[in-house]
C-alpha atoms as a PDB file:
ATOM      1  CA  UNK A   1      -6.881  10.298  16.193  1.00  0.00           C
ATOM      2  CA  UNK A   2      -4.941   8.670  13.752  1.00  0.00           C
ATOM      3  CA  UNK A   3      -3.476  10.756  11.248  1.00  0.00           C
ATOM      4  CA  UNK A   4      -1.548   8.849   7.654  1.00  0.00           C
ATOM      5  CA  UNK A   5       2.145  10.612   6.978  1.00  0.00           C
ATOM      6  CA  UNK A   6       3.246  10.206   3.704  1.00  0.00           C
ATOM      7  CA  UNK A   7       7.275   9.768   2.961  1.00  0.00           C
ATOM      8  CA  UNK A   8       9.450   8.778  -0.208  1.00  0.00           C
ATOM      9  CA  UNK A   9      12.819   9.018  -1.647  1.00  0.00           C
ATOM     10  CA  UNK A  10      14.464   7.251  -4.843  1.00  0.00           C
ATOM     11  CA  UNK A  11      17.255   5.037  -4.711  1.00  0.00           C
ATOM     12  CA  UNK A  12      19.786   3.888  -6.701  1.00  0.00           C
ATOM     13  CA  UNK A  13      19.546   0.086  -6.734  1.00  0.00           C
ATOM     14  CA  UNK A  14      16.930  -2.591  -8.005  1.00  0.00           C
ATOM     15  CA  UNK A  15      14.026  -3.104  -6.244  1.00  0.00           C
ATOM     16  CA  UNK A  16      14.887  -6.659  -5.533  1.00  0.00           C
ATOM     17  CA  UNK A  17      18.611  -4.839  -3.287  1.00  0.00           C
ATOM     18  CA  UNK A  18      15.505  -2.268  -1.348  1.00  0.00           C
ATOM     19  CA  UNK A  19      14.309  -4.525  -0.396  1.00  0.00           C
ATOM     20  CA  UNK A  20      16.719  -6.889   1.003  1.00  0.00           C
ATOM     21  CA  UNK A  21      18.474  -4.366   2.368  1.00  0.00           C
ATOM     22  CA  UNK A  22      15.405  -2.205   4.052  1.00  0.00           C
ATOM     23  CA  UNK A  23      14.760  -5.724   5.810  1.00  0.00           C
ATOM     24  CA  UNK A  24      17.150  -8.098   6.380  1.00  0.00           C
ATOM     25  CA  UNK A  25      18.328  -8.048   9.824  1.00  0.00           C
ATOM     26  CA  UNK A  26      22.044  -6.415   9.756  1.00  0.00           C
ATOM     27  CA  UNK A  27      21.080  -3.683   7.730  1.00  0.00           C
ATOM     28  CA  UNK A  28      17.619  -3.394   9.362  1.00  0.00           C
ATOM     29  CA  UNK A  29      19.452  -2.009  12.309  1.00  0.00           C
ATOM     30  CA  UNK A  30      21.097   0.307  10.320  1.00  0.00           C
ATOM     31  CA  UNK A  31      18.908   2.409   8.678  1.00  0.00           C
ATOM     32  CA  UNK A  32      16.665   2.176  11.741  1.00  0.00           C
ATOM     33  CA  UNK A  33      18.750   3.003  14.101  1.00  0.00           C
ATOM     34  CA  UNK A  34      17.560   6.589  13.124  1.00  0.00           C
ATOM     35  CA  UNK A  35      14.360   5.998  15.156  1.00  0.00           C
ATOM     36  CA  UNK A  36      15.991   4.335  18.515  1.00  0.00           C
ATOM     37  CA  UNK A  37      19.277   3.034  17.810  1.00  0.00           C
ATOM     38  CA  UNK A  38      19.770  -0.668  18.918  1.00  0.00           C
ATOM     39  CA  UNK A  39      16.707  -1.378  17.324  1.00  0.00           C
ATOM     40  CA  UNK A  40      15.763  -4.619  15.864  1.00  0.00           C
ATOM     41  CA  UNK A  41      13.250  -7.312  15.543  1.00  0.00           C
ATOM     42  CA  UNK A  42      12.049 -10.842  15.832  1.00  0.00           C
ATOM     43  CA  UNK A  43       9.801 -12.565  13.636  1.00  0.00           C
ATOM     44  CA  UNK A  44       8.990 -12.936   9.914  1.00  0.00           C
ATOM     45  CA  UNK A  45       8.383 -10.734   6.584  1.00  0.00           C
ATOM     46  CA  UNK A  46       5.819 -13.279   6.100  1.00  0.00           C
ATOM     47  CA  UNK A  47       2.244 -12.299   5.339  1.00  0.00           C
ATOM     48  CA  UNK A  48       0.117 -13.432   8.403  1.00  0.00           C
ATOM     49  CA  UNK A  49       3.138 -13.794  10.595  1.00  0.00           C
ATOM     50  CA  UNK A  50       3.325 -12.167  13.725  1.00  0.00           C
ATOM     51  CA  UNK A  51       6.289  -9.658  14.183  1.00  0.00           C
ATOM     52  CA  UNK A  52       8.191  -7.805  17.659  1.00  0.00           C
ATOM     53  CA  UNK A  53       9.831  -4.197  16.626  1.00  0.00           C
ATOM     54  CA  UNK A  54      11.866  -3.350  19.732  1.00  0.00           C
ATOM     55  CA  UNK A  55      14.005  -1.739  21.622  1.00  0.00           C
ATOM     56  CA  UNK A  56      17.452  -2.728  23.278  1.00  0.00           C
ATOM     57  CA  UNK A  57      15.471  -2.240  26.671  1.00  0.00           C
ATOM     58  CA  UNK A  58      12.900  -4.676  25.549  1.00  0.00           C
ATOM     59  CA  UNK A  59      10.272  -2.571  24.749  1.00  0.00           C
ATOM     60  CA  UNK A  60       8.467  -1.705  21.247  1.00  0.00           C
ATOM     61  CA  UNK A  61       5.671  -2.797  19.317  1.00  0.00           C
ATOM     62  CA  UNK A  62       3.445  -6.033  18.430  1.00  0.00           C
ATOM     63  CA  UNK A  63       2.899  -6.259  15.094  1.00  0.00           C
ATOM     64  CA  UNK A  64       1.692  -8.859  12.248  1.00  0.00           C
ATOM     65  CA  UNK A  65       2.352  -9.102   8.169  1.00  0.00           C
ATOM     66  CA  UNK A  66      -1.383  -8.182   7.148  1.00  0.00           C
ATOM     67  CA  UNK A  67       0.623  -8.187   3.254  1.00  0.00           C
ATOM     68  CA  UNK A  68       3.862  -9.283   1.750  1.00  0.00           C
ATOM     69  CA  UNK A  69       4.545  -9.015  -1.873  1.00  0.00           C
ATOM     70  CA  UNK A  70       8.853  -9.013  -2.034  1.00  0.00           C
ATOM     71  CA  UNK A  71      10.034  -6.810  -3.815  1.00  0.00           C
ATOM     72  CA  UNK A  72       6.911  -4.170  -4.132  1.00  0.00           C
ATOM     73  CA  UNK A  73       4.820  -4.133  -0.925  1.00  0.00           C
ATOM     74  CA  UNK A  74       4.826  -4.566   2.460  1.00  0.00           C
ATOM     75  CA  UNK A  75       2.078  -4.223   5.414  1.00  0.00           C
ATOM     76  CA  UNK A  76       2.731  -4.062   8.613  1.00  0.00           C
ATOM     77  CA  UNK A  77      -0.149  -3.749  11.345  1.00  0.00           C
ATOM     78  CA  UNK A  78       0.560  -2.967  14.939  1.00  0.00           C
ATOM     79  CA  UNK A  79      -1.891  -3.801  17.161  1.00  0.00           C
ATOM     80  CA  UNK A  80      -0.228  -3.184  20.453  1.00  0.00           C
ATOM     81  CA  UNK A  81       3.032  -2.331  22.983  1.00  0.00           C
ATOM     82  CA  UNK A  82       5.510  -4.441  24.677  1.00  0.00           C
ATOM     83  CA  UNK A  83       6.523  -3.116  27.776  1.00  0.00           C
ATOM     84  CA  UNK A  84       9.863  -2.965  28.874  1.00  0.00           C
ATOM     85  CA  UNK A  85       9.541  -6.098  30.840  1.00  0.00           C
ATOM     86  CA  UNK A  86       8.467  -8.238  27.206  1.00  0.00           C
ATOM     87  CA  UNK A  87       4.496  -8.063  28.329  1.00  0.00           C
ATOM     88  CA  UNK A  88       2.348  -7.205  25.132  1.00  0.00           C
ATOM     89  CA  UNK A  89      -0.424  -4.733  25.402  1.00  0.00           C
ATOM     90  CA  UNK A  90      -3.261  -4.871  22.837  1.00  0.00           C
ATOM     91  CA  UNK A  91      -6.256  -4.470  24.960  1.00  0.00           C
ATOM     92  CA  UNK A  92      -5.870  -1.019  27.620  1.00  0.00           C
ATOM     93  CA  UNK A  93      -7.329   1.727  26.404  1.00  0.00           C
ATOM     94  CA  UNK A  94      -3.966   3.770  25.605  1.00  0.00           C
ATOM     95  CA  UNK A  95      -3.855   0.689  22.890  1.00  0.00           C
ATOM     96  CA  UNK A  96      -7.945   0.942  21.926  1.00  0.00           C
ATOM     97  CA  UNK A  97      -6.927   4.433  20.732  1.00  0.00           C
ATOM     98  CA  UNK A  98      -5.213   3.992  17.971  1.00  0.00           C
ATOM     99  CA  UNK A  99      -5.196   0.293  16.923  1.00  0.00           C
ATOM    100  CA  UNK A 100      -4.714  -0.752  14.463  1.00  0.00           C
ATOM    101  CA  UNK A 101      -2.289   1.565  12.918  1.00  0.00           C
ATOM    102  CA  UNK A 102      -0.331   0.506   9.474  1.00  0.00           C
ATOM    103  CA  UNK A 103       2.831   1.016   7.826  1.00  0.00           C
ATOM    104  CA  UNK A 104       2.607   0.726   4.127  1.00  0.00           C
ATOM    105  CA  UNK A 105       6.299   0.143   1.561  1.00  0.00           C
ATOM    106  CA  UNK A 106       5.484   0.486  -1.799  1.00  0.00           C
ATOM    107  CA  UNK A 107       8.080  -0.445  -3.873  1.00  0.00           C
ATOM    108  CA  UNK A 108       8.086   0.845  -7.331  1.00  0.00           C
ATOM    109  CA  UNK A 109      10.943   0.669  -9.830  1.00  0.00           C
ATOM    110  CA  UNK A 110      11.890   4.250 -11.734  1.00  0.00           C
ATOM    111  CA  UNK A 111      13.883   3.254 -14.577  1.00  0.00           C
ATOM    112  CA  UNK A 112      17.435   1.840 -12.954  1.00  0.00           C
ATOM    113  CA  UNK A 113      16.290   2.979  -9.415  1.00  0.00           C
ATOM    114  CA  UNK A 114      13.311   2.172  -7.261  1.00  0.00           C
ATOM    115  CA  UNK A 115      10.981   4.799  -5.696  1.00  0.00           C
ATOM    116  CA  UNK A 116      10.281   3.804  -1.840  1.00  0.00           C
ATOM    117  CA  UNK A 117       7.188   5.289  -0.531  1.00  0.00           C
ATOM    118  CA  UNK A 118       5.785   4.763   2.829  1.00  0.00           C
ATOM    119  CA  UNK A 119       2.448   5.633   4.617  1.00  0.00           C
ATOM    120  CA  UNK A 120       2.918   5.493   8.439  1.00  0.00           C
ATOM    121  CA  UNK A 121       0.076   5.579  10.971  1.00  0.00           C
ATOM    122  CA  UNK A 122       1.159   7.754  13.558  1.00  0.00           C
ATOM    123  CA  UNK A 123      -1.114  10.012  16.646  1.00  0.00           C
ATOM    124  CA  UNK A 124      -1.148  13.243  17.230  1.00  0.00           C
ATOM    125  CA  UNK A 125       1.743  13.385  20.110  1.00  0.00           C
ATOM    126  CA  UNK A 126       4.071  11.300  17.185  1.00  0.00           C
ATOM    127  CA  UNK A 127       3.631  13.255  14.757  1.00  0.00           C
ATOM    128  CA  UNK A 128       6.569  15.748  15.035  1.00  0.00           C
ATOM    129  CA  UNK A 129       8.772  12.705  15.410  1.00  0.00           C
ATOM    130  CA  UNK A 130       8.153  11.058  12.470  1.00  0.00           C
ATOM    131  CA  UNK A 131       7.443  14.107  10.396  1.00  0.00           C
ATOM    132  CA  UNK A 132      12.043  14.526  11.476  1.00  0.00           C
ATOM    133  CA  UNK A 133      13.136  11.264  11.783  1.00  0.00           C
ATOM    134  CA  UNK A 134      11.230   9.357   8.599  1.00  0.00           C
ATOM    135  CA  UNK A 135      13.601  11.460   6.458  1.00  0.00           C
ATOM    136  CA  UNK A 136      16.048  10.639   8.250  1.00  0.00           C
ATOM    137  CA  UNK A 137      15.707   7.095   7.828  1.00  0.00           C
ATOM    138  CA  UNK A 138      14.486   7.062   4.338  1.00  0.00           C
ATOM    139  CA  UNK A 139      18.424   8.900   3.436  1.00  0.00           C
ATOM    140  CA  UNK A 140      20.031   6.351   5.420  1.00  0.00           C
ATOM    141  CA  UNK A 141      18.636   2.978   3.827  1.00  0.00           C
ATOM    142  CA  UNK A 142      19.728   4.860   1.155  1.00  0.00           C
ATOM    143  CA  UNK A 143      22.847   5.862   2.175  1.00  0.00           C
ATOM    144  CA  UNK A 144      23.356   1.914   2.943  1.00  0.00           C
ATOM    145  CA  UNK A 145      21.711   0.189  -0.391  1.00  0.00           C
ATOM    146  CA  UNK A 146      24.349   2.736  -2.862  1.00  0.00           C
ATOM    147  CA  UNK A 147      26.937   1.796  -0.684  1.00  0.00           C
ATOM    148  CA  UNK A 148      26.167  -1.627  -1.140  1.00  0.00           C
ATOM    149  CA  UNK A 149      24.656  -2.243  -5.098  1.00  0.00           C
END
């Protein structure tokens, strides 16, 4: 059973700065290191495009961009795993038990700052991890954005 978790933070930077920092390869690696040190992505943030979220070992998530409205909203549709040998899995019973799962980011101006809201679908086995890790990742994103502002 998939559950949607919600997280938010206010960052002292304009939405475009937050958007760029969140998605550019170098700064993406910094704030997502809270989830997996060395994590990165391959692909495009454009609507309808495929994107892979990978660990240094090569495993990760196979996803597509369901919606992209810079610098306001992005929706990531997770459709499967990528095994450490690089082979995608989108059809196993494990995947069918949760896919698709969405990860949505909404950026809203609040004066000279930006509120970042995250809605993330998770299975029960990842709920505690996400509840612990998302606040750390958003704090890191905030720190990186504000250091660049």
